[in-house]
Protein backbone atom coordinates (compact mmCIF):
# COMPACT_ATOMS: atom_id res chain seq x y z
CA UNK A 1 0.00 0.00 0.00
CA UNK A 2 1.30 3.44 -0.97
CA UNK A 3 2.00 5.88 1.85
CA UNK A 4 0.03 9.06 1.21
CA UNK A 5 1.49 12.49 1.94
CA UNK A 6 -0.76 14.59 4.19
CA UNK A 7 -0.35 18.36 4.56
CA UNK A 8 -2.63 20.30 6.90
CA UNK A 9 -3.02 23.86 5.60
CA UNK A 10 -5.38 25.28 8.21
CA UNK A 11 -7.30 23.82 11.12
CA UNK A 12 -9.59 24.92 13.91
CA UNK A 13 -10.09 21.42 15.27
CA UNK A 14 -8.74 19.30 18.12
CA UNK A 15 -5.77 17.17 17.08
CA UNK A 16 -7.52 13.84 17.72
CA UNK A 17 -10.37 14.87 15.41
CA UNK A 18 -7.86 16.09 12.81
CA UNK A 19 -6.28 12.63 12.89
CA UNK A 20 -9.71 11.04 12.46
CA UNK A 21 -10.34 13.31 9.45
CA UNK A 22 -7.10 12.15 7.86
CA UNK A 23 -7.85 8.46 8.57
CA UNK A 24 -11.37 8.70 7.14
CA UNK A 25 -10.07 10.57 4.09
CA UNK A 26 -7.37 7.99 3.37
CA UNK A 27 -10.01 5.25 3.59
CA UNK A 28 -12.26 7.22 1.23
CA UNK A 29 -9.44 7.71 -1.29
CA UNK A 30 -8.66 3.99 -1.18
CA UNK A 31 -12.35 3.09 -1.75
CA UNK A 32 -13.39 5.69 -4.33
CA UNK A 33 -11.92 7.48 -7.35
CA UNK A 34 -14.62 10.10 -7.94
CA UNK A 35 -14.18 13.25 -5.83
CA UNK A 36 -17.92 13.55 -5.13
CA UNK A 37 -17.95 10.02 -3.70
CA UNK A 38 -14.89 10.74 -1.56
CA UNK A 39 -16.57 13.88 -0.19
CA UNK A 40 -19.83 12.04 0.50
CA UNK A 41 -18.02 9.27 2.40
CA UNK A 42 -16.09 11.76 4.56
CA UNK A 43 -19.24 13.81 5.27
CA UNK A 44 -21.33 10.77 6.23
CA UNK A 45 -18.61 9.38 8.50
CA UNK A 46 -18.22 12.71 10.29
CA UNK A 47 -21.99 13.06 10.67
CA UNK A 48 -21.98 9.59 12.23
CA UNK A 49 -19.03 10.13 14.60
CA UNK A 50 -19.41 13.82 15.43
CA UNK A 51 -23.12 14.53 14.78
CA UNK A 52 -24.55 16.57 11.87
CA UNK A 53 -24.19 18.82 10.01
CA UNK A 54 -20.77 18.45 8.37
CA UNK A 55 -19.90 19.68 4.88
CA UNK A 56 -17.06 18.37 2.73
CA UNK A 57 -15.48 19.62 -0.49
CA UNK A 58 -12.88 17.52 -2.30
CA UNK A 59 -10.98 18.54 -5.40
CA UNK A 60 -7.88 19.89 -7.07
CA UNK A 61 -9.11 23.38 -8.02
CA UNK A 62 -11.59 25.32 -5.90
CA UNK A 63 -11.84 28.47 -3.87
CA UNK A 64 -13.78 28.79 -0.65
CA UNK A 65 -14.86 31.14 2.07
CA UNK A 66 -16.99 29.47 4.73
CA UNK A 67 -18.43 30.05 8.17
CA UNK A 68 -17.98 27.19 10.62
CA UNK A 69 -18.62 26.24 14.20
CA UNK A 70 -15.81 26.64 16.72
CA UNK A 71 -13.31 23.74 16.59
CA UNK A 72 -15.00 22.26 13.52
CA UNK A 73 -12.84 23.18 10.50
CA UNK A 74 -9.95 21.60 8.65
CA UNK A 75 -8.40 22.24 5.25
CA UNK A 76 -5.74 19.78 4.16
CA UNK A 77 -4.20 17.89 1.26
CA UNK A 78 -3.76 14.18 0.77
CA UNK A 79 -1.26 13.86 -2.07
CA UNK A 80 -2.48 16.49 -4.54
CA UNK A 81 -6.17 16.45 -3.55
CA UNK A 82 -7.54 19.18 -1.29
CA UNK A 83 -10.13 18.42 1.39
CA UNK A 84 -12.19 21.09 3.10
CA UNK A 85 -14.25 19.75 5.99
CA UNK A 86 -16.33 21.90 8.32
CA UNK A 87 -19.42 21.83 10.49
CA UNK A 88 -22.17 24.42 10.24
CA UNK A 89 -25.79 24.15 11.35
PDB file of N, CA and C in Angstrom:
ATOM      1  N   UNK A   1       0.841  -1.186   0.000  1.00  0.00           N
ATOM      2  CA  UNK A   1       0.000   0.000   0.000  1.00  0.00           C
ATOM      3  C   UNK A   1       0.885   1.248   0.000  1.00  0.00           C
ATOM      4  N   UNK A   2       0.559   2.190  -0.837  1.00  0.00           N
ATOM      5  CA  UNK A   2       1.304   3.436  -0.970  1.00  0.00           C
ATOM      6  C   UNK A   2       1.064   4.332   0.241  1.00  0.00           C
ATOM      7  N   UNK A   3       2.130   4.922   0.750  1.00  0.00           N
ATOM      8  CA  UNK A   3       2.001   5.882   1.854  1.00  0.00           C
ATOM      9  C   UNK A   3       1.622   7.237   1.260  1.00  0.00           C
ATOM     10  N   UNK A   4       0.538   7.803   1.747  1.00  0.00           N
ATOM     11  CA  UNK A   4       0.025   9.059   1.213  1.00  0.00           C
ATOM     12  C   UNK A   4       0.570  10.241   2.011  1.00  0.00           C
ATOM     13  N   UNK A   5       0.996  11.277   1.307  1.00  0.00           N
ATOM     14  CA  UNK A   5       1.488  12.492   1.939  1.00  0.00           C
ATOM     15  C   UNK A   5       0.305  13.351   2.373  1.00  0.00           C
ATOM     16  N   UNK A   6       0.309  13.753   3.642  1.00  0.00           N
ATOM     17  CA  UNK A   6      -0.759  14.590   4.193  1.00  0.00           C
ATOM     18  C   UNK A   6      -0.157  15.927   4.618  1.00  0.00           C
ATOM     19  N   UNK A   7      -0.786  17.021   4.177  1.00  0.00           N
ATOM     20  CA  UNK A   7      -0.351  18.362   4.555  1.00  0.00           C
ATOM     21  C   UNK A   7      -1.558  19.139   5.058  1.00  0.00           C
ATOM     22  N   UNK A   8      -1.539  19.499   6.333  1.00  0.00           N
ATOM     23  CA  UNK A   8      -2.627  20.298   6.898  1.00  0.00           C
ATOM     24  C   UNK A   8      -2.304  21.773   6.655  1.00  0.00           C
ATOM     25  N   UNK A   9      -3.204  22.448   5.961  1.00  0.00           N
ATOM     26  CA  UNK A   9      -3.016  23.855   5.600  1.00  0.00           C
ATOM     27  C   UNK A   9      -3.547  24.764   6.702  1.00  0.00           C
ATOM     28  N   UNK A  10      -4.745  24.462   7.185  1.00  0.00           N
ATOM     29  CA  UNK A  10      -5.381  25.277   8.209  1.00  0.00           C
ATOM     30  C   UNK A  10      -6.345  24.403   8.995  1.00  0.00           C
ATOM     31  N   UNK A  11      -6.374  24.615  10.316  1.00  0.00           N
ATOM     32  CA  UNK A  11      -7.296  23.819  11.124  1.00  0.00           C
ATOM     33  C   UNK A  11      -7.729  24.587  12.364  1.00  0.00           C
ATOM     34  N   UNK A  12      -9.003  24.505  12.644  1.00  0.00           N
ATOM     35  CA  UNK A  12      -9.585  24.923  13.914  1.00  0.00           C
ATOM     36  C   UNK A  12     -10.325  23.683  14.395  1.00  0.00           C
ATOM     37  N   UNK A  13      -9.555  22.740  14.938  1.00  0.00           N
ATOM     38  CA  UNK A  13     -10.092  21.423  15.274  1.00  0.00           C
ATOM     39  C   UNK A  13      -9.098  20.751  16.225  1.00  0.00           C
ATOM     40  N   UNK A  14      -9.605  20.031  17.203  1.00  0.00           N
ATOM     41  CA  UNK A  14      -8.735  19.299  18.118  1.00  0.00           C
ATOM     42  C   UNK A  14      -7.906  18.277  17.346  1.00  0.00           C
ATOM     43  N   UNK A  15      -6.693  18.033  17.812  1.00  0.00           N
ATOM     44  CA  UNK A  15      -5.768  17.166  17.081  1.00  0.00           C
ATOM     45  C   UNK A  15      -6.286  15.749  16.890  1.00  0.00           C
ATOM     46  N   UNK A  16      -6.993  15.203  17.872  1.00  0.00           N
ATOM     47  CA  UNK A  16      -7.516  13.844  17.716  1.00  0.00           C
ATOM     48  C   UNK A  16      -8.576  13.782  16.615  1.00  0.00           C
ATOM     49  N   UNK A  17      -9.358  14.833  16.472  1.00  0.00           N
ATOM     50  CA  UNK A  17     -10.372  14.870  15.413  1.00  0.00           C
ATOM     51  C   UNK A  17      -9.702  15.122  14.061  1.00  0.00           C
ATOM     52  N   UNK A  18      -8.629  15.919  14.045  1.00  0.00           N
ATOM     53  CA  UNK A  18      -7.855  16.086  12.811  1.00  0.00           C
ATOM     54  C   UNK A  18      -7.338  14.734  12.328  1.00  0.00           C
ATOM     55  N   UNK A  19      -6.806  13.950  13.254  1.00  0.00           N
ATOM     56  CA  UNK A  19      -6.283  12.629  12.894  1.00  0.00           C
ATOM     57  C   UNK A  19      -7.394  11.741  12.347  1.00  0.00           C
ATOM     58  N   UNK A  20      -8.570  11.816  12.951  1.00  0.00           N
ATOM     59  CA  UNK A  20      -9.712  11.037  12.455  1.00  0.00           C
ATOM     60  C   UNK A  20     -10.089  11.491  11.048  1.00  0.00           C
ATOM     61  N   UNK A  21     -10.039  12.792  10.787  1.00  0.00           N
ATOM     62  CA  UNK A  21     -10.342  13.312   9.450  1.00  0.00           C
ATOM     63  C   UNK A  21      -9.373  12.745   8.421  1.00  0.00           C
ATOM     64  N   UNK A  22      -8.102  12.697   8.771  1.00  0.00           N
ATOM     65  CA  UNK A  22      -7.097  12.145   7.858  1.00  0.00           C
ATOM     66  C   UNK A  22      -7.347  10.656   7.632  1.00  0.00           C
ATOM     67  N   UNK A  23      -7.606   9.908   8.699  1.00  0.00           N
ATOM     68  CA  UNK A  23      -7.851   8.463   8.573  1.00  0.00           C
ATOM     69  C   UNK A  23      -9.065   8.179   7.690  1.00  0.00           C
ATOM     70  N   UNK A  24     -10.146   8.896   7.929  1.00  0.00           N
ATOM     71  CA  UNK A  24     -11.367   8.701   7.136  1.00  0.00           C
ATOM     72  C   UNK A  24     -11.109   9.074   5.678  1.00  0.00           C
ATOM     73  N   UNK A  25     -10.364  10.147   5.457  1.00  0.00           N
ATOM     74  CA  UNK A  25     -10.067  10.574   4.091  1.00  0.00           C
ATOM     75  C   UNK A  25      -9.218   9.550   3.356  1.00  0.00           C
ATOM     76  N   UNK A  26      -8.210   9.013   4.006  1.00  0.00           N
ATOM     77  CA  UNK A  26      -7.370   7.986   3.372  1.00  0.00           C
ATOM     78  C   UNK A  26      -8.220   6.779   3.004  1.00  0.00           C
ATOM     79  N   UNK A  27      -9.103   6.362   3.891  1.00  0.00           N
ATOM     80  CA  UNK A  27     -10.010   5.248   3.585  1.00  0.00           C
ATOM     81  C   UNK A  27     -10.877   5.583   2.381  1.00  0.00           C
ATOM     82  N   UNK A  28     -11.409   6.798   2.344  1.00  0.00           N
ATOM     83  CA  UNK A  28     -12.262   7.216   1.225  1.00  0.00           C
ATOM     84  C   UNK A  28     -11.496   7.196  -0.092  1.00  0.00           C
ATOM     85  N   UNK A  29     -10.259   7.674  -0.077  1.00  0.00           N
ATOM     86  CA  UNK A  29      -9.444   7.707  -1.294  1.00  0.00           C
ATOM     87  C   UNK A  29      -9.104   6.296  -1.763  1.00  0.00           C
ATOM     88  N   UNK A  30      -8.930   5.389  -0.818  1.00  0.00           N
ATOM     89  CA  UNK A  30      -8.664   3.990  -1.180  1.00  0.00           C
ATOM     90  C   UNK A  30      -9.903   3.314  -1.756  1.00  0.00           C
ATOM     91  N   UNK A  31     -11.096   3.717  -1.309  1.00  0.00           N
ATOM     92  CA  UNK A  31     -12.347   3.088  -1.751  1.00  0.00           C
ATOM     93  C   UNK A  31     -12.910   3.680  -3.036  1.00  0.00           C
ATOM     94  N   UNK A  32     -12.728   4.985  -3.234  1.00  0.00           N
ATOM     95  CA  UNK A  32     -13.389   5.689  -4.330  1.00  0.00           C
ATOM     96  C   UNK A  32     -12.385   6.453  -5.191  1.00  0.00           C
ATOM     97  N   UNK A  33     -12.756   6.684  -6.446  1.00  0.00           N
ATOM     98  CA  UNK A  33     -11.917   7.481  -7.347  1.00  0.00           C
ATOM     99  C   UNK A  33     -12.585   8.794  -7.742  1.00  0.00           C
ATOM    100  N   UNK A  34     -13.881   8.893  -7.582  1.00  0.00           N
ATOM    101  CA  UNK A  34     -14.621  10.104  -7.943  1.00  0.00           C
ATOM    102  C   UNK A  34     -14.669  11.034  -6.725  1.00  0.00           C
ATOM    103  N   UNK A  35     -14.274  12.293  -6.936  1.00  0.00           N
ATOM    104  CA  UNK A  35     -14.181  13.250  -5.833  1.00  0.00           C
ATOM    105  C   UNK A  35     -15.490  13.411  -5.079  1.00  0.00           C
ATOM    106  N   UNK A  36     -16.614  13.415  -5.782  1.00  0.00           N
ATOM    107  CA  UNK A  36     -17.924  13.552  -5.134  1.00  0.00           C
ATOM    108  C   UNK A  36     -18.171  12.389  -4.173  1.00  0.00           C
ATOM    109  N   UNK A  37     -17.770  11.189  -4.561  1.00  0.00           N
ATOM    110  CA  UNK A  37     -17.948  10.016  -3.704  1.00  0.00           C
ATOM    111  C   UNK A  37     -17.028  10.073  -2.488  1.00  0.00           C
ATOM    112  N   UNK A  38     -15.819  10.568  -2.680  1.00  0.00           N
ATOM    113  CA  UNK A  38     -14.885  10.741  -1.560  1.00  0.00           C
ATOM    114  C   UNK A  38     -15.474  11.733  -0.558  1.00  0.00           C
ATOM    115  N   UNK A  39     -15.974  12.863  -1.056  1.00  0.00           N
ATOM    116  CA  UNK A  39     -16.569  13.885  -0.188  1.00  0.00           C
ATOM    117  C   UNK A  39     -17.782  13.341   0.558  1.00  0.00           C
ATOM    118  N   UNK A  40     -18.629  12.599  -0.133  1.00  0.00           N
ATOM    119  CA  UNK A  40     -19.829  12.037   0.498  1.00  0.00           C
ATOM    120  C   UNK A  40     -19.453  11.073   1.616  1.00  0.00           C
ATOM    121  N   UNK A  41     -18.459  10.237   1.381  1.00  0.00           N
ATOM    122  CA  UNK A  41     -18.021   9.273   2.399  1.00  0.00           C
ATOM    123  C   UNK A  41     -17.505  10.004   3.643  1.00  0.00           C
ATOM    124  N   UNK A  42     -16.648  11.003   3.433  1.00  0.00           N
ATOM    125  CA  UNK A  42     -16.093  11.762   4.560  1.00  0.00           C
ATOM    126  C   UNK A  42     -17.216  12.450   5.334  1.00  0.00           C
ATOM    127  N   UNK A  43     -18.129  13.107   4.634  1.00  0.00           N
ATOM    128  CA  UNK A  43     -19.242  13.812   5.269  1.00  0.00           C
ATOM    129  C   UNK A  43     -20.109  12.868   6.091  1.00  0.00           C
ATOM    130  N   UNK A  44     -20.457  11.718   5.517  1.00  0.00           N
ATOM    131  CA  UNK A  44     -21.329  10.770   6.228  1.00  0.00           C
ATOM    132  C   UNK A  44     -20.637  10.179   7.454  1.00  0.00           C
ATOM    133  N   UNK A  45     -19.342   9.906   7.343  1.00  0.00           N
ATOM    134  CA  UNK A  45     -18.608   9.380   8.501  1.00  0.00           C
ATOM    135  C   UNK A  45     -18.530  10.423   9.614  1.00  0.00           C
ATOM    136  N   UNK A  46     -18.280  11.676   9.264  1.00  0.00           N
ATOM    137  CA  UNK A  46     -18.216  12.714  10.289  1.00  0.00           C
ATOM    138  C   UNK A  46     -19.588  12.983  10.899  1.00  0.00           C
ATOM    139  N   UNK A  47     -20.635  12.938  10.107  1.00  0.00           N
ATOM    140  CA  UNK A  47     -21.986  13.059  10.666  1.00  0.00           C
ATOM    141  C   UNK A  47     -22.250  11.936  11.664  1.00  0.00           C
ATOM    142  N   UNK A  48     -21.769  10.747  11.359  1.00  0.00           N
ATOM    143  CA  UNK A  48     -21.979   9.587  12.229  1.00  0.00           C
ATOM    144  C   UNK A  48     -21.171   9.713  13.527  1.00  0.00           C
ATOM    145  N   UNK A  49     -19.900  10.073  13.422  1.00  0.00           N
ATOM    146  CA  UNK A  49     -19.025  10.127  14.600  1.00  0.00           C
ATOM    147  C   UNK A  49     -19.192  11.402  15.424  1.00  0.00           C
ATOM    148  N   UNK A  50     -19.429  12.528  14.751  1.00  0.00           N
ATOM    149  CA  UNK A  50     -19.411  13.824  15.431  1.00  0.00           C
ATOM    150  C   UNK A  50     -20.706  14.615  15.277  1.00  0.00           C
ATOM    151  N   UNK A  51     -21.772  13.956  14.887  1.00  0.00           N
ATOM    152  CA  UNK A  51     -23.115  14.531  14.778  1.00  0.00           C
ATOM    153  C   UNK A  51     -23.206  15.580  13.662  1.00  0.00           C
ATOM    154  N   UNK A  52     -24.360  15.644  12.995  1.00  0.00           N
ATOM    155  CA  UNK A  52     -24.548  16.572  11.868  1.00  0.00           C
ATOM    156  C   UNK A  52     -24.455  18.029  12.331  1.00  0.00           C
ATOM    157  N   UNK A  53     -24.193  18.918  11.453  1.00  0.00           N
ATOM    158  CA  UNK A  53     -24.195  18.815  10.010  1.00  0.00           C
ATOM    159  C   UNK A  53     -22.814  19.209   9.487  1.00  0.00           C
ATOM    160  N   UNK A  54     -22.091  18.232   8.948  1.00  0.00           N
ATOM    161  CA  UNK A  54     -20.770  18.449   8.367  1.00  0.00           C
ATOM    162  C   UNK A  54     -20.896  18.657   6.867  1.00  0.00           C
ATOM    163  N   UNK A  55     -19.959  19.418   6.314  1.00  0.00           N
ATOM    164  CA  UNK A  55     -19.895  19.679   4.877  1.00  0.00           C
ATOM    165  C   UNK A  55     -18.481  19.348   4.418  1.00  0.00           C
ATOM    166  N   UNK A  56     -18.364  18.778   3.228  1.00  0.00           N
ATOM    167  CA  UNK A  56     -17.059  18.375   2.728  1.00  0.00           C
ATOM    168  C   UNK A  56     -16.931  18.708   1.247  1.00  0.00           C
ATOM    169  N   UNK A  57     -15.813  19.306   0.901  1.00  0.00           N
ATOM    170  CA  UNK A  57     -15.484  19.617  -0.489  1.00  0.00           C
ATOM    171  C   UNK A  57     -14.149  18.949  -0.788  1.00  0.00           C
ATOM    172  N   UNK A  58     -14.088  18.226  -1.894  1.00  0.00           N
ATOM    173  CA  UNK A  58     -12.876  17.518  -2.298  1.00  0.00           C
ATOM    174  C   UNK A  58     -12.569  17.886  -3.740  1.00  0.00           C
ATOM    175  N   UNK A  59     -11.332  18.232  -4.019  1.00  0.00           N
ATOM    176  CA  UNK A  59     -10.978  18.542  -5.399  1.00  0.00           C
ATOM    177  C   UNK A  59      -9.566  19.061  -5.541  1.00  0.00           C
ATOM    178  N   UNK A  60      -9.217  19.380  -6.775  1.00  0.00           N
ATOM    179  CA  UNK A  60      -7.882  19.892  -7.073  1.00  0.00           C
ATOM    180  C   UNK A  60      -7.885  21.392  -7.331  1.00  0.00           C
ATOM    181  N   UNK A  61      -9.035  21.951  -7.706  1.00  0.00           N
ATOM    182  CA  UNK A  61      -9.114  23.377  -8.024  1.00  0.00           C
ATOM    183  C   UNK A  61     -10.436  23.938  -7.505  1.00  0.00           C
ATOM    184  N   UNK A  62     -10.392  24.641  -6.388  1.00  0.00           N
ATOM    185  CA  UNK A  62     -11.585  25.320  -5.899  1.00  0.00           C
ATOM    186  C   UNK A  62     -11.178  26.427  -4.938  1.00  0.00           C
ATOM    187  N   UNK A  63     -12.009  27.424  -4.857  1.00  0.00           N
ATOM    188  CA  UNK A  63     -11.843  28.469  -3.871  1.00  0.00           C
ATOM    189  C   UNK A  63     -12.953  28.332  -2.845  1.00  0.00           C
ATOM    190  N   UNK A  64     -12.733  28.894  -1.675  1.00  0.00           N
ATOM    191  CA  UNK A  64     -13.777  28.788  -0.652  1.00  0.00           C
ATOM    192  C   UNK A  64     -13.662  29.934   0.344  1.00  0.00           C
ATOM    193  N   UNK A  65     -14.784  30.205   0.967  1.00  0.00           N
ATOM    194  CA  UNK A  65     -14.858  31.144   2.073  1.00  0.00           C
ATOM    195  C   UNK A  65     -16.080  30.713   2.859  1.00  0.00           C
ATOM    196  N   UNK A  66     -15.877  30.077   4.006  1.00  0.00           N
ATOM    197  CA  UNK A  66     -16.992  29.470   4.728  1.00  0.00           C
ATOM    198  C   UNK A  66     -17.034  29.948   6.173  1.00  0.00           C
ATOM    199  N   UNK A  67     -18.216  29.846   6.749  1.00  0.00           N
ATOM    200  CA  UNK A  67     -18.425  30.053   8.173  1.00  0.00           C
ATOM    201  C   UNK A  67     -18.569  28.683   8.811  1.00  0.00           C
ATOM    202  N   UNK A  68     -17.940  28.510   9.970  1.00  0.00           N
ATOM    203  CA  UNK A  68     -17.979  27.193  10.615  1.00  0.00           C
ATOM    204  C   UNK A  68     -18.121  27.346  12.120  1.00  0.00           C
ATOM    205  N   UNK A  69     -18.534  26.266  12.743  1.00  0.00           N
ATOM    206  CA  UNK A  69     -18.618  26.240  14.196  1.00  0.00           C
ATOM    207  C   UNK A  69     -17.209  26.191  14.786  1.00  0.00           C
ATOM    208  N   UNK A  70     -17.080  26.649  16.018  1.00  0.00           N
ATOM    209  CA  UNK A  70     -15.809  26.636  16.724  1.00  0.00           C
ATOM    210  C   UNK A  70     -15.269  25.213  16.812  1.00  0.00           C
ATOM    211  N   UNK A  71     -14.001  25.036  16.523  1.00  0.00           N
ATOM    212  CA  UNK A  71     -13.308  23.738  16.589  1.00  0.00           C
ATOM    213  C   UNK A  71     -13.828  22.719  15.581  1.00  0.00           C
ATOM    214  N   UNK A  72     -14.391  23.180  14.491  1.00  0.00           N
ATOM    215  CA  UNK A  72     -15.001  22.262  13.516  1.00  0.00           C
ATOM    216  C   UNK A  72     -14.609  22.616  12.080  1.00  0.00           C
ATOM    217  N   UNK A  73     -13.311  22.814  11.834  1.00  0.00           N
ATOM    218  CA  UNK A  73     -12.842  23.177  10.497  1.00  0.00           C
ATOM    219  C   UNK A  73     -11.460  22.596  10.255  1.00  0.00           C
ATOM    220  N   UNK A  74     -11.276  22.027   9.072  1.00  0.00           N
ATOM    221  CA  UNK A  74      -9.945  21.597   8.649  1.00  0.00           C
ATOM    222  C   UNK A  74      -9.857  21.684   7.131  1.00  0.00           C
ATOM    223  N   UNK A  75      -8.701  22.158   6.679  1.00  0.00           N
ATOM    224  CA  UNK A  75      -8.398  22.235   5.249  1.00  0.00           C
ATOM    225  C   UNK A  75      -7.036  21.589   5.073  1.00  0.00           C
ATOM    226  N   UNK A  76      -6.991  20.512   4.303  1.00  0.00           N
ATOM    227  CA  UNK A  76      -5.740  19.778   4.161  1.00  0.00           C
ATOM    228  C   UNK A  76      -5.656  19.097   2.805  1.00  0.00           C
ATOM    229  N   UNK A  77      -4.455  18.632   2.498  1.00  0.00           N
ATOM    230  CA  UNK A  77      -4.199  17.893   1.262  1.00  0.00           C
ATOM    231  C   UNK A  77      -3.793  16.471   1.592  1.00  0.00           C
ATOM    232  N   UNK A  78      -4.275  15.540   0.792  1.00  0.00           N
ATOM    233  CA  UNK A  78      -3.762  14.177   0.767  1.00  0.00           C
ATOM    234  C   UNK A  78      -3.257  13.995  -0.654  1.00  0.00           C
ATOM    235  N   UNK A  79      -1.941  13.816  -0.770  1.00  0.00           N
ATOM    236  CA  UNK A  79      -1.261  13.865  -2.073  1.00  0.00           C
ATOM    237  C   UNK A  79      -1.564  15.217  -2.706  1.00  0.00           C
ATOM    238  N   UNK A  80      -2.187  15.230  -3.866  1.00  0.00           N
ATOM    239  CA  UNK A  80      -2.478  16.494  -4.543  1.00  0.00           C
ATOM    240  C   UNK A  80      -3.968  16.831  -4.541  1.00  0.00           C
ATOM    241  N   UNK A  81      -4.724  16.216  -3.645  1.00  0.00           N
ATOM    242  CA  UNK A  81      -6.166  16.452  -3.553  1.00  0.00           C
ATOM    243  C   UNK A  81      -6.457  17.241  -2.274  1.00  0.00           C
ATOM    244  N   UNK A  82      -7.180  18.347  -2.427  1.00  0.00           N
ATOM    245  CA  UNK A  82      -7.538  19.183  -1.286  1.00  0.00           C
ATOM    246  C   UNK A  82      -8.848  18.705  -0.674  1.00  0.00           C
ATOM    247  N   UNK A  83      -8.918  18.781   0.654  1.00  0.00           N
ATOM    248  CA  UNK A  83     -10.125  18.422   1.394  1.00  0.00           C
ATOM    249  C   UNK A  83     -10.460  19.586   2.322  1.00  0.00           C
ATOM    250  N   UNK A  84     -11.670  20.071   2.206  1.00  0.00           N
ATOM    251  CA  UNK A  84     -12.188  21.094   3.101  1.00  0.00           C
ATOM    252  C   UNK A  84     -13.352  20.460   3.849  1.00  0.00           C
ATOM    253  N   UNK A  85     -13.240  20.392   5.160  1.00  0.00           N
ATOM    254  CA  UNK A  85     -14.251  19.745   5.993  1.00  0.00           C
ATOM    255  C   UNK A  85     -14.608  20.697   7.124  1.00  0.00           C
ATOM    256  N   UNK A  86     -15.905  20.981   7.271  1.00  0.00           N
ATOM    257  CA  UNK A  86     -16.326  21.898   8.323  1.00  0.00           C
ATOM    258  C   UNK A  86     -17.758  21.583   8.750  1.00  0.00           C
ATOM    259  N   UNK A  87     -18.075  22.030   9.948  1.00  0.00           N
ATOM    260  CA  UNK A  87     -19.419  21.831  10.490  1.00  0.00           C
ATOM    261  C   UNK A  87     -20.106  23.184  10.598  1.00  0.00           C
ATOM    262  N   UNK A  88     -21.367  23.203  10.179  1.00  0.00           N
ATOM    263  CA  UNK A  88     -22.170  24.416  10.238  1.00  0.00           C
ATOM    264  C   UNK A  88     -23.635  24.006  10.273  1.00  0.00           C
ATOM    265  N   UNK A  89     -24.357  24.467  11.271  1.00  0.00           N
ATOM    266  CA  UNK A  89     -25.792  24.149  11.351  1.00  0.00           C
ATOM    267  C   UNK A  89     -26.617  25.150  10.605  1.00  0.00           C
TER     268      UNK A  89
END
